[in-house]
C-alpha atoms as a PDB file:
ATOM      1  CA  UNK A   1      95.135 103.482  13.318  1.00  0.00           C
ATOM      2  CA  UNK A   2      92.127 101.295  15.477  1.00  0.00           C
ATOM      3  CA  UNK A   3      92.930  99.810  18.891  1.00  0.00           C
ATOM      4  CA  UNK A   4      91.883  97.576  19.996  1.00  0.00           C
ATOM      5  CA  UNK A   5      90.861  97.642  22.999  1.00  0.00           C
ATOM      6  CA  UNK A   6      91.386  94.203  24.231  1.00  0.00           C
ATOM      7  CA  UNK A   7      94.672  94.227  23.406  1.00  0.00           C
ATOM      8  CA  UNK A   8      95.098  97.082  25.724  1.00  0.00           C
ATOM      9  CA  UNK A   9      93.158  94.915  28.846  1.00  0.00           C
ATOM     10  CA  UNK A  10      96.091  92.381  28.595  1.00  0.00           C
ATOM     11  CA  UNK A  11      98.513  94.952  28.609  1.00  0.00           C
ATOM     12  CA  UNK A  12      96.999  96.528  31.184  1.00  0.00           C
ATOM     13  CA  UNK A  13      97.333  92.913  32.928  1.00  0.00           C
ATOM     14  CA  UNK A  14      99.974  92.743  32.193  1.00  0.00           C
ATOM     15  CA  UNK A  15     101.484  95.448  33.791  1.00  0.00           C
ATOM     16  CA  UNK A  16      99.563  95.228  36.728  1.00  0.00           C
ATOM     17  CA  UNK A  17     101.331  91.921  37.233  1.00  0.00           C
ATOM     18  CA  UNK A  18     104.615  93.827  37.142  1.00  0.00           C
ATOM     19  CA  UNK A  19     104.394  96.342  39.074  1.00  0.00           C
ATOM     20  CA  UNK A  20     102.191  93.634  42.115  1.00  0.00           C
ATOM     21  CA  UNK A  21     106.532  91.471  41.166  1.00  0.00           C
ATOM     22  CA  UNK A  22     107.933  92.729  44.591  1.00  0.00           C
ATOM     23  CA  UNK A  23     105.499  95.107  46.108  1.00  0.00           C
ATOM     24  CA  UNK A  24     105.707  93.903  49.968  1.00  0.00           C
ATOM     25  CA  UNK A  25     110.219  93.924  49.141  1.00  0.00           C
ATOM     26  CA  UNK A  26     109.798  98.322  47.857  1.00  0.00           C
ATOM     27  CA  UNK A  27     108.208  98.771  50.311  1.00  0.00           C
ATOM     28  CA  UNK A  28     109.525  97.117  53.339  1.00  0.00           C
ATOM     29  CA  UNK A  29     113.195  98.532  51.367  1.00  0.00           C
ATOM     30  CA  UNK A  30     111.538 102.298  51.349  1.00  0.00           C
ATOM     31  CA  UNK A  31     110.396 101.765  54.725  1.00  0.00           C
ATOM     32  CA  UNK A  32     114.089 100.572  55.754  1.00  0.00           C
ATOM     33  CA  UNK A  33     115.842 103.751  54.219  1.00  0.00           C
ATOM     34  CA  UNK A  34     113.570 105.997  56.177  1.00  0.00           C
ATOM     35  CA  UNK A  35     114.465 104.112  59.134  1.00  0.00           C
ATOM     36  CA  UNK A  36     117.745 104.502  58.017  1.00  0.00           C
ATOM     37  CA  UNK A  37     117.921 107.664  57.298  1.00  0.00           C
ATOM     38  CA  UNK A  38     115.948 108.972  60.753  1.00  0.00           C
ATOM     39  CA  UNK A  39     119.076 106.328  62.780  1.00  0.00           C
ATOM     40  CA  UNK A  40     121.587 108.283  60.478  1.00  0.00           C
ATOM     41  CA  UNK A  41     120.386 111.734  61.315  1.00  0.00           C
ATOM     42  CA  UNK A  42     119.622 111.513  64.997  1.00  0.00           C
ATOM     43  CA  UNK A  43     123.141 110.434  65.271  1.00  0.00           C
ATOM     44  CA  UNK A  44     125.351 112.742  63.922  1.00  0.00           C
ATOM     45  CA  UNK A  45     122.865 115.500  65.679  1.00  0.00           C
ATOM     46  CA  UNK A  46     122.163 114.671  68.417  1.00  0.00           C
ATOM     47  CA  UNK A  47     124.352 114.921  71.381  1.00  0.00           C
ATOM     48  CA  UNK A  48     124.083 112.020  73.755  1.00  0.00           C
ATOM     49  CA  UNK A  49     123.802 109.737  71.278  1.00  0.00           C
ATOM     50  CA  UNK A  50     125.972 106.287  70.354  1.00  0.00           C
ATOM     51  CA  UNK A  51     128.216 105.737  68.146  1.00  0.00           C
ATOM     52  CA  UNK A  52     126.547 102.655  66.894  1.00  0.00           C
ATOM     53  CA  UNK A  53     123.156 104.358  65.427  1.00  0.00           C
ATOM     54  CA  UNK A  54     125.139 105.853  62.603  1.00  0.00           C
ATOM     55  CA  UNK A  55     127.061 102.266  61.552  1.00  0.00           C
ATOM     56  CA  UNK A  56     123.413 101.341  61.547  1.00  0.00           C
ATOM     57  CA  UNK A  57     121.772 104.299  60.204  1.00  0.00           C
ATOM     58  CA  UNK A  58     123.935 103.028  56.544  1.00  0.00           C
ATOM     59  CA  UNK A  59     123.922  99.608  57.244  1.00  0.00           C
ATOM     60  CA  UNK A  60     119.722 100.079  57.331  1.00  0.00           C
ATOM     61  CA  UNK A  61     120.084 102.323  54.235  1.00  0.00           C
ATOM     62  CA  UNK A  62     121.714  99.437  52.574  1.00  0.00           C
ATOM     63  CA  UNK A  63     119.640  97.186  53.433  1.00  0.00           C
ATOM     64  CA  UNK A  64     116.951  99.196  51.676  1.00  0.00           C
ATOM     65  CA  UNK A  65     118.241  99.931  48.542  1.00  0.00           C
ATOM     66  CA  UNK A  66     119.530  95.845  48.362  1.00  0.00           C
ATOM     67  CA  UNK A  67     115.947  94.771  48.645  1.00  0.00           C
ATOM     68  CA  UNK A  68     115.054  97.598  45.724  1.00  0.00           C
ATOM     69  CA  UNK A  69     117.641  95.574  42.992  1.00  0.00           C
ATOM     70  CA  UNK A  70     117.105  92.529  44.730  1.00  0.00           C
ATOM     71  CA  UNK A  71     113.375  93.556  43.405  1.00  0.00           C
ATOM     72  CA  UNK A  72     114.343  95.035  39.774  1.00  0.00           C
ATOM     73  CA  UNK A  73     116.207  92.055  39.346  1.00  0.00           C
ATOM     74  CA  UNK A  74     113.268  89.650  40.078  1.00  0.00           C
ATOM     75  CA  UNK A  75     111.361  91.509  37.811  1.00  0.00           C
ATOM     76  CA  UNK A  76     113.815  91.735  35.264  1.00  0.00           C
ATOM     77  CA  UNK A  77     114.301  87.961  35.357  1.00  0.00           C
ATOM     78  CA  UNK A  78     109.852  87.647  35.157  1.00  0.00           C
ATOM     79  CA  UNK A  79     109.831  89.603  32.312  1.00  0.00           C
ATOM     80  CA  UNK A  80     112.506  88.353  30.164  1.00  0.00           C
ATOM     81  CA  UNK A  81     111.290  84.825  30.869  1.00  0.00           C
ATOM     82  CA  UNK A  82     107.807  85.611  30.271  1.00  0.00           C
ATOM     83  CA  UNK A  83     107.281  87.784  27.647  1.00  0.00           C
ATOM     84  CA  UNK A  84     105.024  89.578  26.406  1.00  0.00           C
ATOM     85  CA  UNK A  85     102.890  87.683  23.571  1.00  0.00           C
ATOM     86  CA  UNK A  86      99.312  90.200  21.558  1.00  0.00           C
ATOM     87  CA  UNK A  87      98.666  86.433  20.062  1.00  0.00           C
ATOM     88  CA  UNK A  88      97.770  85.283  22.808  1.00  0.00           C
END
């Protein structure tokens, strides 16, 4: 089977454009999960930590995961609206 290099280049560009969707939101979500985990660990292990630290950590982790879910839904909607067409 002979590969069409132009088709492979277009397919790679399409995949790159899909990966680029929501890049900022994914980064913020990852950072929120990291900060939430640090807050959660701090609130549970340090004696003098305030009681709100655990709740704030759990809420922050939840916000991070909701950003991840938002990006997944956004990508899915984009792919359904703009499928890869090898003929174009």
